[in-house]
Amino acid sequence: MGMIAANRVFDILDTEDQIQDTGTMEAPIFKGDILFKEVHFSYIENEEVIKGIDLDIKSGQTIAIVGTTGAGKSTIINLLNRFYEINKGTICIDGYNINEYSLSSIRKQIAVVLQDVFLFADTILNNITLNNPDISREIVIDAAKKIGVHDFIMSLPHNYDYNVKERGIMISSGQRQLIAFLRAYVSNPSILILDEATSSIDTYSEELIQRATEKITQGRTSIVIAHRLATIINADKIVVMDKGLIVEQGSHQELLFNGKGFYKNLYDSQFMDEEKN
């Protein structure tokens, strides 16, 4: 069994990376201006999932991306991080094509909080710092207090030294999400990406996540794959996607009353019940 497992590891190590790290520029600290221009992308040849989108995100803005399943929302995140190469068009950060930056320098400045949070069989502190020696316990505690997570951690046995076990099975999904928010916050990213998963968690955790979201998006460019009404209402701009195209852009009020109807239909079908509650 050990030999079989080792062979699998070696197969991974021998895999050729499809993303070529040919950029020669080390990215400075980003201001956070992002531009998608005529971007096309397909996972499978001749089956485009992004069909020539244009998107301009200004430094410090919080952008919510909404749309039905398969509209291309998460693909935007993958392309910005260069997990995949676009087929055509350009993606720029601070006026430079992302292909000109080295991969590591881009990804160091972009923090991503996904729906499915992965935690290691280790302490909460180490799961937050990822053993980065530049992030001390004091920095973590101060950050936790700022985004409202400190009290939750202190309520656990051994607080910041509590071992969450493999994949964080010792804590709830909402608590795992809060740790992921704190992990992103202490890395002090220039660009923050949130895939906001609050549909399957308890009300108390959801309230903490909403407060944490408001805090960590302040002063930095943030892209939120939106699932909850509160995030959408507070966003500087809402981008509505459908079948790989951006069909509407604007504020909550603009789209609700003066849009083409795509956002209003989503609002009526997905969010009206939440607002009533």
Protein backbone atom coordinates (compact mmCIF):
# COMPACT_ATOMS: atom_id res chain seq x y z
CA MET A 1 0.00 0.00 0.00
CA GLY A 2 2.89 2.33 0.77
CA MET A 3 4.45 1.71 -2.65
CA ILE A 4 1.14 2.37 -4.39
CA ALA A 5 0.70 5.64 -2.47
CA ALA A 6 4.29 6.66 -3.26
CA ASN A 7 3.77 6.00 -6.98
CA ARG A 8 0.73 8.27 -6.93
CA VAL A 9 2.77 11.02 -5.29
CA PHE A 10 5.53 10.65 -7.88
CA ASP A 11 2.93 10.79 -10.69
CA ILE A 12 1.78 14.14 -9.33
CA LEU A 13 5.35 15.44 -9.01
CA ASP A 14 6.06 14.43 -12.62
CA THR A 15 2.96 16.15 -13.99
CA GLU A 16 3.72 18.98 -16.39
CA ASP A 17 2.07 22.25 -15.38
CA GLN A 18 -0.33 23.47 -18.06
CA ILE A 19 0.03 27.06 -16.85
CA GLN A 20 3.35 28.42 -18.08
CA ASP A 21 5.04 30.74 -15.58
CA THR A 22 6.70 32.98 -18.17
CA GLY A 23 6.03 36.32 -16.49
CA THR A 24 9.13 38.33 -15.67
CA MET A 25 7.57 41.05 -13.51
CA GLU A 26 7.33 40.65 -9.75
CA ALA A 27 3.98 42.19 -8.95
CA PRO A 28 4.18 45.16 -6.58
CA ILE A 29 1.51 45.65 -3.95
CA PHE A 30 -1.59 45.90 -6.14
CA LYS A 31 -3.89 48.89 -6.04
CA GLY A 32 -6.56 46.48 -7.21
CA ASP A 33 -7.77 47.82 -10.57
CA ILE A 34 -8.97 44.80 -12.60
CA LEU A 35 -9.98 44.75 -16.26
CA PHE A 36 -11.44 41.90 -18.29
CA LYS A 37 -11.53 42.81 -22.00
CA GLU A 38 -13.19 40.57 -24.60
CA VAL A 39 -12.33 37.47 -22.56
CA HIS A 40 -13.25 34.08 -24.04
CA PHE A 41 -12.67 30.76 -22.31
CA SER A 42 -13.65 27.11 -22.64
CA TYR A 43 -12.82 24.08 -20.51
CA ILE A 44 -13.59 21.86 -23.52
CA GLU A 45 -12.63 22.90 -27.04
CA ASN A 46 -15.43 24.66 -28.95
CA GLU A 47 -17.67 24.78 -25.85
CA GLU A 48 -17.21 28.29 -24.49
CA VAL A 49 -18.27 29.00 -20.94
CA ILE A 50 -17.08 32.64 -21.05
CA LYS A 51 -18.18 34.31 -24.26
CA GLY A 52 -16.38 37.62 -24.64
CA ILE A 53 -16.98 39.48 -21.39
CA ASP A 54 -15.89 43.01 -20.51
CA LEU A 55 -15.62 43.87 -16.83
CA ASP A 56 -14.00 46.91 -15.21
CA ILE A 57 -13.42 46.77 -11.44
CA LYS A 58 -11.99 49.83 -9.72
CA SER A 59 -9.60 49.73 -6.80
CA GLY A 60 -11.39 49.30 -3.47
CA GLN A 61 -14.73 48.29 -4.98
CA THR A 62 -16.77 45.33 -3.79
CA ILE A 63 -18.28 43.52 -6.77
CA ALA A 64 -20.98 40.88 -6.40
CA ILE A 65 -21.33 38.35 -9.22
CA VAL A 66 -24.69 36.62 -9.44
CA GLY A 67 -26.36 34.26 -11.84
CA THR A 68 -27.81 30.80 -12.23
CA THR A 69 -25.73 27.63 -11.89
CA GLY A 70 -23.36 27.29 -14.83
CA ALA A 71 -23.45 30.98 -15.75
CA GLY A 72 -19.66 31.27 -15.41
CA LYS A 73 -19.33 32.97 -12.01
CA SER A 74 -16.65 30.74 -10.50
CA THR A 75 -14.77 30.63 -13.80
CA ILE A 76 -14.06 34.35 -13.38
CA ILE A 77 -12.17 33.52 -10.16
CA ASN A 78 -10.20 30.74 -11.82
CA LEU A 79 -9.13 32.96 -14.70
CA LEU A 80 -8.06 35.87 -12.50
CA ASN A 81 -5.80 33.56 -10.48
CA ARG A 82 -4.49 31.99 -13.71
CA PHE A 83 -5.64 28.51 -12.73
CA TYR A 84 -6.61 28.31 -16.41
CA GLU A 85 -5.41 30.20 -19.47
CA ILE A 86 -7.95 32.25 -21.43
CA ASN A 87 -8.54 31.45 -25.10
CA LYS A 88 -8.78 35.06 -26.23
CA GLY A 89 -8.81 38.57 -24.80
CA THR A 90 -6.88 40.13 -21.94
CA ILE A 91 -7.05 40.29 -18.17
CA CYS A 92 -5.16 43.16 -16.55
CA ILE A 93 -4.37 44.11 -12.97
CA ASP A 94 -3.25 47.70 -12.41
CA GLY A 95 -2.87 48.18 -16.15
CA TYR A 96 -0.60 45.21 -16.84
CA ASN A 97 -1.57 41.90 -18.46
CA ILE A 98 -1.54 39.21 -15.76
CA ASN A 99 0.66 37.06 -18.01
CA GLU A 100 3.46 39.59 -17.47
CA TYR A 101 3.52 38.91 -13.71
CA SER A 102 5.10 35.81 -12.20
CA LEU A 103 2.48 33.37 -10.94
CA SER A 104 3.69 33.39 -7.35
CA SER A 105 3.68 37.18 -7.09
CA ILE A 106 0.07 37.34 -8.35
CA ARG A 107 -1.25 34.62 -6.10
CA LYS A 108 0.45 36.01 -3.00
CA GLN A 109 -1.72 39.10 -3.32
CA ILE A 110 -5.04 37.38 -4.03
CA ALA A 111 -6.81 35.67 -1.13
CA VAL A 112 -9.62 33.24 -1.94
CA VAL A 113 -12.26 31.94 0.48
CA LEU A 114 -14.13 29.11 -1.19
CA GLN A 115 -17.39 27.40 -0.33
CA ASP A 116 -15.64 24.22 0.74
CA VAL A 117 -13.10 25.24 3.38
CA PHE A 118 -10.14 22.91 3.85
CA LEU A 119 -8.58 22.69 7.30
CA PHE A 120 -5.60 20.58 8.30
CA ALA A 121 -5.37 18.25 11.30
CA ASP A 122 -3.68 20.95 13.34
CA THR A 123 -4.40 23.81 15.71
CA ILE A 124 -6.64 26.71 14.79
CA LEU A 125 -3.62 29.02 15.00
CA ASN A 126 -1.60 27.00 12.50
CA ASN A 127 -4.59 26.66 10.19
CA ILE A 128 -4.86 30.45 10.15
CA THR A 129 -1.16 31.28 9.75
CA LEU A 130 -0.32 28.22 7.61
CA ASN A 131 2.94 28.23 9.61
CA ASN A 132 4.00 31.57 8.16
CA PRO A 133 6.61 32.86 10.64
CA ASP A 134 5.73 36.46 9.75
CA ILE A 135 2.23 36.06 11.24
CA SER A 136 2.48 35.94 15.02
CA ARG A 137 -0.13 34.82 17.54
CA GLU A 138 -0.63 38.47 18.53
CA ILE A 139 -1.39 39.44 14.92
CA VAL A 140 -3.93 36.62 14.66
CA ILE A 141 -5.65 37.52 17.92
CA ASP A 142 -5.83 41.20 16.99
CA ALA A 143 -7.28 40.34 13.57
CA ALA A 144 -9.79 37.94 15.13
CA LYS A 145 -11.03 40.67 17.44
CA LYS A 146 -11.40 43.11 14.53
CA ILE A 147 -13.60 40.82 12.46
CA GLY A 148 -15.55 39.40 15.41
CA VAL A 149 -14.16 35.87 15.50
CA HIS A 150 -12.14 36.02 18.75
CA ASP A 151 -15.01 35.16 21.12
CA PHE A 152 -15.93 32.08 19.10
CA ILE A 153 -12.33 30.80 19.20
CA MET A 154 -11.99 31.52 22.93
CA SER A 155 -15.11 29.43 23.58
CA LEU A 156 -13.32 26.30 22.28
CA PRO A 157 -11.14 24.04 24.45
CA HIS A 158 -7.55 25.34 24.32
CA ASN A 159 -8.89 28.22 22.14
CA TYR A 160 -6.26 29.05 19.49
CA ASP A 161 -4.41 25.78 20.23
CA TYR A 162 -7.52 23.64 19.67
CA ASN A 163 -6.83 20.82 17.19
CA VAL A 164 -9.66 20.74 14.64
CA LYS A 165 -8.61 17.29 13.32
CA GLU A 166 -8.66 16.19 9.69
CA ARG A 167 -10.64 18.58 7.46
CA GLY A 168 -11.85 20.41 10.57
CA ILE A 169 -14.38 17.77 11.62
CA MET A 170 -14.33 18.99 15.24
CA ILE A 171 -16.06 22.27 14.36
CA SER A 172 -19.15 23.22 12.35
CA SER A 173 -19.22 24.33 8.71
CA GLY A 174 -19.94 27.91 9.80
CA GLN A 175 -16.99 27.89 12.18
CA ARG A 176 -14.73 26.53 9.45
CA GLN A 177 -15.87 29.38 7.23
CA LEU A 178 -14.99 31.92 9.94
CA ILE A 179 -11.49 30.48 10.27
CA ALA A 180 -11.08 30.74 6.49
CA PHE A 181 -12.10 34.42 6.66
CA LEU A 182 -9.53 35.03 9.36
CA ARG A 183 -6.90 33.15 7.35
CA ALA A 184 -7.56 35.46 4.40
CA TYR A 185 -7.61 38.59 6.57
CA VAL A 186 -4.21 38.02 8.24
CA SER A 187 -2.56 37.52 4.84
CA ASN A 188 -3.50 41.16 4.08
CA PRO A 189 -4.30 40.59 0.38
CA SER A 190 -4.61 43.35 -2.20
CA ILE A 191 -7.51 41.50 -3.85
CA LEU A 192 -10.05 39.40 -1.95
CA ILE A 193 -12.30 36.77 -3.53
CA LEU A 194 -15.19 35.30 -1.54
CA ASP A 195 -17.36 32.41 -2.59
CA GLU A 196 -19.87 33.17 0.13
CA ALA A 197 -21.40 29.90 1.31
CA THR A 198 -23.95 30.62 4.05
CA SER A 199 -26.94 28.62 2.85
CA SER A 200 -26.24 25.54 5.01
CA ILE A 201 -25.07 27.11 8.27
CA ASP A 202 -26.81 28.23 11.45
CA THR A 203 -28.15 31.75 11.90
CA TYR A 204 -25.55 32.72 14.52
CA SER A 205 -22.62 31.76 12.30
CA GLU A 206 -24.25 33.52 9.36
CA GLU A 207 -24.45 36.78 11.33
CA LEU A 208 -20.77 36.48 12.27
CA ILE A 209 -19.84 35.81 8.64
CA GLN A 210 -21.82 38.83 7.44
CA ARG A 211 -19.99 41.08 9.92
CA ALA A 212 -16.65 39.52 8.99
CA THR A 213 -17.40 40.07 5.30
CA GLU A 214 -18.07 43.77 5.85
CA LYS A 215 -14.81 44.16 7.76
CA ILE A 216 -12.41 42.26 5.52
CA THR A 217 -13.69 43.84 2.28
CA GLN A 218 -13.08 47.39 3.54
CA GLY A 219 -10.33 49.21 1.67
CA ARG A 220 -9.51 46.44 -0.81
CA THR A 221 -10.85 45.22 -4.13
CA SER A 222 -13.27 42.38 -3.42
CA ILE A 223 -15.11 39.99 -5.70
CA VAL A 224 -17.97 38.08 -4.12
CA ILE A 225 -19.79 35.16 -5.68
CA ALA A 226 -23.08 36.11 -4.10
CA HIS A 227 -25.54 33.70 -2.51
CA ARG A 228 -27.05 35.95 0.12
CA LEU A 229 -29.16 39.07 -0.33
CA ALA A 230 -27.28 41.18 2.25
CA THR A 231 -24.01 40.86 0.33
CA ILE A 232 -25.67 41.87 -2.91
CA ILE A 233 -27.36 44.94 -1.47
CA ASN A 234 -24.11 46.24 0.06
CA ALA A 235 -21.96 45.71 -3.04
CA ASP A 236 -20.71 48.72 -5.00
CA LYS A 237 -21.67 46.97 -8.22
CA ILE A 238 -23.63 43.83 -9.05
CA VAL A 239 -22.68 41.86 -12.14
CA VAL A 240 -25.35 39.51 -13.48
CA MET A 241 -24.13 36.61 -15.61
CA ASP A 242 -26.13 34.29 -17.83
CA LYS A 243 -24.74 31.54 -20.09
CA GLY A 244 -21.22 32.94 -20.08
CA LEU A 245 -22.20 36.55 -20.73
CA ILE A 246 -22.56 39.63 -18.53
CA VAL A 247 -26.18 40.64 -19.09
CA GLU A 248 -26.54 43.40 -16.47
CA GLN A 249 -24.38 45.61 -14.25
CA GLY A 250 -25.32 48.19 -11.63
CA SER A 251 -26.31 48.73 -8.02
CA HIS A 252 -29.07 46.76 -6.32
CA GLN A 253 -31.59 49.56 -6.75
CA GLU A 254 -30.62 50.26 -10.36
CA LEU A 255 -30.99 46.66 -11.41
CA LEU A 256 -34.14 46.06 -9.44
CA PHE A 257 -36.05 48.99 -10.92
CA ASN A 258 -34.26 49.98 -14.13
CA GLY A 259 -32.57 46.80 -15.29
CA LYS A 260 -33.43 44.43 -18.10
CA GLY A 261 -35.17 41.99 -15.78
CA PHE A 262 -32.45 39.37 -15.27
CA TYR A 263 -31.56 40.52 -11.77
CA LYS A 264 -35.18 41.12 -10.79
CA ASN A 265 -36.06 37.57 -11.78
CA LEU A 266 -33.19 36.23 -9.69
CA TYR A 267 -34.22 38.47 -6.82
CA ASP A 268 -37.85 37.35 -6.95
CA SER A 269 -37.01 33.66 -7.21
CA GLN A 270 -34.07 33.38 -4.81
CA PHE A 271 -34.07 36.29 -2.40
CA MET A 272 -37.63 37.47 -1.74
CA ASP A 273 -38.24 34.84 0.94
CA GLU A 274 -35.04 35.88 2.76
CA GLU A 275 -36.07 39.52 2.78
CA LYS A 276 -39.46 38.62 4.25
CA ASN A 277 -37.74 36.72 7.03
